[in-house]
Amino acid sequence: MNTPILTTGRLRLLPFSEDDFPLLQDLHSDPEVNRYLSPGPAIMDPEEVRRRLANYVGDHRG
């Protein structure tokens, strides 16, 4: 289990992990959600989501 980055009475922020892929893929597969994210309303392909997740995981480790 990841060590929380921040914990409050109602919130617990965790670093990204490879286990987050299905949730991140779901977000980037929804044009209504994705229009607020880079690259815009286009649905992001799974390989791009994997690349981004790998960057997020690396950023949190380093």
PDB file of N, CA and C in Angstrom:
ATOM      1  N   MET A   1       0.833  -1.180   0.000  1.00  0.00           N
ATOM      2  CA  MET A   1       0.000   0.000   0.000  1.00  0.00           C
ATOM      3  C   MET A   1       0.877   1.243   0.000  1.00  0.00           C
ATOM      4  N   ASN A   2       0.450   2.250  -0.742  1.00  0.00           N
ATOM      5  CA  ASN A   2       1.193   3.491  -0.816  1.00  0.00           C
ATOM      6  C   ASN A   2       1.047   4.295   0.464  1.00  0.00           C
ATOM      7  N   THR A   3       2.104   4.993   0.824  1.00  0.00           N
ATOM      8  CA  THR A   3       2.067   5.896   1.955  1.00  0.00           C
ATOM      9  C   THR A   3       1.370   7.179   1.529  1.00  0.00           C
ATOM     10  N   PRO A   4       0.383   7.626   2.296  1.00  0.00           N
ATOM     11  CA  PRO A   4      -0.321   8.861   1.917  1.00  0.00           C
ATOM     12  C   PRO A   4       0.615  10.062   1.823  1.00  0.00           C
ATOM     13  N   ILE A   5       0.335  10.924   0.857  1.00  0.00           N
ATOM     14  CA  ILE A   5       1.064  12.170   0.696  1.00  0.00           C
ATOM     15  C   ILE A   5       0.504  13.211   1.660  1.00  0.00           C
ATOM     16  N   LEU A   6      -0.812  13.178   1.828  1.00  0.00           N
ATOM     17  CA  LEU A   6      -1.512  14.145   2.659  1.00  0.00           C
ATOM     18  C   LEU A   6      -2.746  13.468   3.228  1.00  0.00           C
ATOM     19  N   THR A   7      -2.996  13.690   4.500  1.00  0.00           N
ATOM     20  CA  THR A   7      -4.178  13.129   5.140  1.00  0.00           C
ATOM     21  C   THR A   7      -4.849  14.215   5.966  1.00  0.00           C
ATOM     22  N   THR A   8      -6.165  14.321   5.796  1.00  0.00           N
ATOM     23  CA  THR A   8      -6.970  15.213   6.627  1.00  0.00           C
ATOM     24  C   THR A   8      -8.097  14.363   7.216  1.00  0.00           C
ATOM     25  N   GLY A   9      -9.018  14.996   7.924  1.00  0.00           N
ATOM     26  CA  GLY A   9     -10.139  14.269   8.496  1.00  0.00           C
ATOM     27  C   GLY A   9     -11.040  13.631   7.455  1.00  0.00           C
ATOM     28  N   ARG A  10     -11.056  14.200   6.238  1.00  0.00           N
ATOM     29  CA  ARG A  10     -11.974  13.693   5.203  1.00  0.00           C
ATOM     30  C   ARG A  10     -11.273  13.278   3.908  1.00  0.00           C
ATOM     31  N   LEU A  11      -9.983  13.429   3.832  1.00  0.00           N
ATOM     32  CA  LEU A  11      -9.280  13.221   2.572  1.00  0.00           C
ATOM     33  C   LEU A  11      -7.957  12.515   2.813  1.00  0.00           C
ATOM     34  N   ARG A  12      -7.616  11.628   1.876  1.00  0.00           N
ATOM     35  CA  ARG A  12      -6.316  10.969   1.907  1.00  0.00           C
ATOM     36  C   ARG A  12      -5.775  10.939   0.485  1.00  0.00           C
ATOM     37  N   LEU A  13      -4.704  11.663   0.230  1.00  0.00           N
ATOM     38  CA  LEU A  13      -4.078  11.673  -1.090  1.00  0.00           C
ATOM     39  C   LEU A  13      -2.955  10.651  -1.115  1.00  0.00           C
ATOM     40  N   LEU A  14      -2.974   9.831  -2.155  1.00  0.00           N
ATOM     41  CA  LEU A  14      -1.962   8.794  -2.322  1.00  0.00           C
ATOM     42  C   LEU A  14      -1.188   9.041  -3.608  1.00  0.00           C
ATOM     43  N   PRO A  15       0.078   8.639  -3.652  1.00  0.00           N
ATOM     44  CA  PRO A  15       0.809   8.740  -4.915  1.00  0.00           C
ATOM     45  C   PRO A  15       0.214   7.780  -5.944  1.00  0.00           C
ATOM     46  N   PHE A  16       0.385   8.114  -7.219  1.00  0.00           N
ATOM     47  CA  PHE A  16      -0.067   7.219  -8.277  1.00  0.00           C
ATOM     48  C   PHE A  16       0.668   5.890  -8.200  1.00  0.00           C
ATOM     49  N   SER A  17      -0.027   4.828  -8.636  1.00  0.00           N
ATOM     50  CA  SER A  17       0.596   3.511  -8.768  1.00  0.00           C
ATOM     51  C   SER A  17       0.066   2.865 -10.044  1.00  0.00           C
ATOM     52  N   GLU A  18       0.697   1.794 -10.460  1.00  0.00           N
ATOM     53  CA  GLU A  18       0.254   1.071 -11.655  1.00  0.00           C
ATOM     54  C   GLU A  18      -1.178   0.560 -11.502  1.00  0.00           C
ATOM     55  N   ASP A  19      -1.602   0.339 -10.272  1.00  0.00           N
ATOM     56  CA  ASP A  19      -2.977  -0.124 -10.015  1.00  0.00           C
ATOM     57  C   ASP A  19      -4.030   0.914 -10.389  1.00  0.00           C
ATOM     58  N   ASP A  20      -3.616   2.157 -10.605  1.00  0.00           N
ATOM     59  CA  ASP A  20      -4.548   3.226 -10.957  1.00  0.00           C
ATOM     60  C   ASP A  20      -4.916   3.240 -12.438  1.00  0.00           C
ATOM     61  N   PHE A  21      -4.312   2.374 -13.238  1.00  0.00           N
ATOM     62  CA  PHE A  21      -4.566   2.406 -14.675  1.00  0.00           C
ATOM     63  C   PHE A  21      -6.047   2.303 -15.041  1.00  0.00           C
ATOM     64  N   PRO A  22      -6.813   1.349 -14.504  1.00  0.00           N
ATOM     65  CA  PRO A  22      -8.231   1.260 -14.915  1.00  0.00           C
ATOM     66  C   PRO A  22      -9.014   2.539 -14.624  1.00  0.00           C
ATOM     67  N   LEU A  23      -8.766   3.151 -13.484  1.00  0.00           N
ATOM     68  CA  LEU A  23      -9.474   4.389 -13.149  1.00  0.00           C
ATOM     69  C   LEU A  23      -9.055   5.535 -14.059  1.00  0.00           C
ATOM     70  N   LEU A  24      -7.767   5.643 -14.315  1.00  0.00           N
ATOM     71  CA  LEU A  24      -7.272   6.703 -15.186  1.00  0.00           C
ATOM     72  C   LEU A  24      -7.768   6.500 -16.617  1.00  0.00           C
ATOM     73  N   GLN A  25      -7.811   5.257 -17.069  1.00  0.00           N
ATOM     74  CA  GLN A  25      -8.331   4.951 -18.400  1.00  0.00           C
ATOM     75  C   GLN A  25      -9.802   5.335 -18.504  1.00  0.00           C
ATOM     76  N   ASP A  26     -10.571   5.035 -17.467  1.00  0.00           N
ATOM     77  CA  ASP A  26     -11.986   5.417 -17.464  1.00  0.00           C
ATOM     78  C   ASP A  26     -12.142   6.933 -17.585  1.00  0.00           C
ATOM     79  N   LEU A  27     -11.340   7.678 -16.848  1.00  0.00           N
ATOM     80  CA  LEU A  27     -11.420   9.139 -16.934  1.00  0.00           C
ATOM     81  C   LEU A  27     -11.115   9.630 -18.342  1.00  0.00           C
ATOM     82  N   HIS A  28     -10.028   9.122 -18.919  1.00  0.00           N
ATOM     83  CA  HIS A  28      -9.610   9.591 -20.238  1.00  0.00           C
ATOM     84  C   HIS A  28     -10.438   9.004 -21.376  1.00  0.00           C
ATOM     85  N   SER A  29     -11.356   8.105 -21.077  1.00  0.00           N
ATOM     86  CA  SER A  29     -12.264   7.553 -22.089  1.00  0.00           C
ATOM     87  C   SER A  29     -13.591   8.306 -22.141  1.00  0.00           C
ATOM     88  N   ASP A  30     -13.770   9.241 -21.240  1.00  0.00           N
ATOM     89  CA  ASP A  30     -15.005  10.018 -21.170  1.00  0.00           C
ATOM     90  C   ASP A  30     -14.753  11.408 -21.752  1.00  0.00           C
ATOM     91  N   PRO A  31     -15.284  11.703 -22.958  1.00  0.00           N
ATOM     92  CA  PRO A  31     -15.023  13.010 -23.580  1.00  0.00           C
ATOM     93  C   PRO A  31     -15.464  14.185 -22.709  1.00  0.00           C
ATOM     94  N   GLU A  32     -16.520  14.015 -21.938  1.00  0.00           N
ATOM     95  CA  GLU A  32     -16.995  15.113 -21.087  1.00  0.00           C
ATOM     96  C   GLU A  32     -15.993  15.437 -19.988  1.00  0.00           C
ATOM     97  N   VAL A  33     -15.343  14.430 -19.442  1.00  0.00           N
ATOM     98  CA  VAL A  33     -14.296  14.644 -18.438  1.00  0.00           C
ATOM     99  C   VAL A  33     -13.016  15.082 -19.131  1.00  0.00           C
ATOM    100  N   ASN A  34     -12.674  14.393 -20.205  1.00  0.00           N
ATOM    101  CA  ASN A  34     -11.384  14.609 -20.871  1.00  0.00           C
ATOM    102  C   ASN A  34     -11.270  15.996 -21.500  1.00  0.00           C
ATOM    103  N   ARG A  35     -12.379  16.662 -21.763  1.00  0.00           N
ATOM    104  CA  ARG A  35     -12.288  17.986 -22.375  1.00  0.00           C
ATOM    105  C   ARG A  35     -11.612  18.991 -21.455  1.00  0.00           C
ATOM    106  N   TYR A  36     -11.575  18.696 -20.155  1.00  0.00           N
ATOM    107  CA  TYR A  36     -10.888  19.564 -19.199  1.00  0.00           C
ATOM    108  C   TYR A  36      -9.439  19.148 -18.977  1.00  0.00           C
ATOM    109  N   LEU A  37      -9.045  18.043 -19.576  1.00  0.00           N
ATOM    110  CA  LEU A  37      -7.694  17.513 -19.414  1.00  0.00           C
ATOM    111  C   LEU A  37      -6.947  17.612 -20.733  1.00  0.00           C
ATOM    112  N   SER A  38      -5.649  17.554 -20.677  1.00  0.00           N
ATOM    113  CA  SER A  38      -4.853  17.542 -21.895  1.00  0.00           C
ATOM    114  C   SER A  38      -4.957  16.154 -22.509  1.00  0.00           C
ATOM    115  N   PRO A  39      -5.146  15.984 -23.777  1.00  0.00           N
ATOM    116  CA  PRO A  39      -5.084  16.944 -24.876  1.00  0.00           C
ATOM    117  C   PRO A  39      -6.419  17.560 -25.267  1.00  0.00           C
ATOM    118  N   GLY A  40      -7.481  17.344 -24.542  1.00  0.00           N
ATOM    119  CA  GLY A  40      -8.768  17.922 -24.892  1.00  0.00           C
ATOM    120  C   GLY A  40      -9.845  16.857 -24.968  1.00  0.00           C
ATOM    121  N   PRO A  41     -10.946  17.136 -25.672  1.00  0.00           N
ATOM    122  CA  PRO A  41     -12.095  16.231 -25.643  1.00  0.00           C
ATOM    123  C   PRO A  41     -11.884  14.874 -26.315  1.00  0.00           C
ATOM    124  N   ALA A  42     -10.840  14.743 -27.116  1.00  0.00           N
ATOM    125  CA  ALA A  42     -10.596  13.454 -27.777  1.00  0.00           C
ATOM    126  C   ALA A  42     -10.304  12.379 -26.735  1.00  0.00           C
ATOM    127  N   ILE A  43     -10.818  11.188 -26.975  1.00  0.00           N
ATOM    128  CA  ILE A  43     -10.551  10.059 -26.086  1.00  0.00           C
ATOM    129  C   ILE A  43      -9.090   9.663 -26.238  1.00  0.00           C
ATOM    130  N   MET A  44      -8.429   9.443 -25.121  1.00  0.00           N
ATOM    131  CA  MET A  44      -7.010   9.089 -25.129  1.00  0.00           C
ATOM    132  C   MET A  44      -6.868   7.575 -25.247  1.00  0.00           C
ATOM    133  N   ASP A  45      -5.994   7.132 -26.128  1.00  0.00           N
ATOM    134  CA  ASP A  45      -5.810   5.693 -26.294  1.00  0.00           C
ATOM    135  C   ASP A  45      -5.084   5.108 -25.075  1.00  0.00           C
ATOM    136  N   PRO A  46      -5.306   3.816 -24.811  1.00  0.00           N
ATOM    137  CA  PRO A  46      -4.738   3.187 -23.611  1.00  0.00           C
ATOM    138  C   PRO A  46      -3.221   3.294 -23.511  1.00  0.00           C
ATOM    139  N   GLU A  47      -2.519   3.246 -24.619  1.00  0.00           N
ATOM    140  CA  GLU A  47      -1.054   3.342 -24.560  1.00  0.00           C
ATOM    141  C   GLU A  47      -0.605   4.723 -24.088  1.00  0.00           C
ATOM    142  N   GLU A  48      -1.309   5.763 -24.507  1.00  0.00           N
ATOM    143  CA  GLU A  48      -0.976   7.107 -24.033  1.00  0.00           C
ATOM    144  C   GLU A  48      -1.269   7.229 -22.541  1.00  0.00           C
ATOM    145  N   VAL A  49      -2.377   6.640 -22.100  1.00  0.00           N
ATOM    146  CA  VAL A  49      -2.700   6.656 -20.671  1.00  0.00           C
ATOM    147  C   VAL A  49      -1.609   5.931 -19.893  1.00  0.00           C
ATOM    148  N   ARG A  50      -1.134   4.794 -20.411  1.00  0.00           N
ATOM    149  CA  ARG A  50      -0.049   4.049 -19.736  1.00  0.00           C
ATOM    150  C   ARG A  50       1.226   4.878 -19.666  1.00  0.00           C
ATOM    151  N   ARG A  51       1.560   5.583 -20.745  1.00  0.00           N
ATOM    152  CA  ARG A  51       2.765   6.433 -20.746  1.00  0.00           C
ATOM    153  C   ARG A  51       2.639   7.541 -19.702  1.00  0.00           C
ATOM    154  N   ARG A  52       1.484   8.169 -19.665  1.00  0.00           N
ATOM    155  CA  ARG A  52       1.279   9.244 -18.688  1.00  0.00           C
ATOM    156  C   ARG A  52       1.343   8.711 -17.260  1.00  0.00           C
ATOM    157  N   LEU A  53       0.713   7.576 -17.027  1.00  0.00           N
ATOM    158  CA  LEU A  53       0.734   6.986 -15.690  1.00  0.00           C
ATOM    159  C   LEU A  53       2.169   6.647 -15.283  1.00  0.00           C
ATOM    160  N   ALA A  54       2.948   6.103 -16.191  1.00  0.00           N
ATOM    161  CA  ALA A  54       4.348   5.792 -15.884  1.00  0.00           C
ATOM    162  C   ALA A  54       5.097   7.066 -15.491  1.00  0.00           C
ATOM    163  N   ASN A  55       4.817   8.174 -16.171  1.00  0.00           N
ATOM    164  CA  ASN A  55       5.448   9.450 -15.804  1.00  0.00           C
ATOM    165  C   ASN A  55       5.003   9.907 -14.421  1.00  0.00           C
ATOM    166  N   TYR A  56       3.706   9.784 -14.132  1.00  0.00           N
ATOM    167  CA  TYR A  56       3.196  10.187 -12.818  1.00  0.00           C
ATOM    168  C   TYR A  56       3.841   9.352 -11.712  1.00  0.00           C
ATOM    169  N   VAL A  57       3.910   8.043 -11.926  1.00  0.00           N
ATOM    170  CA  VAL A  57       4.515   7.149 -10.937  1.00  0.00           C
ATOM    171  C   VAL A  57       5.982   7.530 -10.729  1.00  0.00           C
ATOM    172  N   GLY A  58       6.700   7.762 -11.822  1.00  0.00           N
ATOM    173  CA  GLY A  58       8.101   8.163 -11.730  1.00  0.00           C
ATOM    174  C   GLY A  58       8.286   9.481 -11.002  1.00  0.00           C
ATOM    175  N   ASP A  59       7.413  10.431 -11.273  1.00  0.00           N
ATOM    176  CA  ASP A  59       7.484  11.730 -10.608  1.00  0.00           C
ATOM    177  C   ASP A  59       7.281  11.585  -9.107  1.00  0.00           C
ATOM    178  N   HIS A  60       6.379  10.714  -8.696  1.00  0.00           N
ATOM    179  CA  HIS A  60       6.105  10.546  -7.273  1.00  0.00           C
ATOM    180  C   HIS A  60       7.203   9.782  -6.558  1.00  0.00           C
ATOM    181  N   ARG A  61       7.955   8.995  -7.286  1.00  0.00           N
ATOM    182  CA  ARG A  61       9.072   8.256  -6.679  1.00  0.00           C
ATOM    183  C   ARG A  61      10.299   9.142  -6.484  1.00  0.00           C
ATOM    184  N   GLY A  62      10.423  10.103  -7.393  1.00  0.00           N
ATOM    185  CA  GLY A  62      11.667  10.819  -7.443  1.00  0.00           C
ATOM    186  C   GLY A  62      11.758  12.129  -6.844  1.00  0.00           C
TER     187      GLY A  62
END
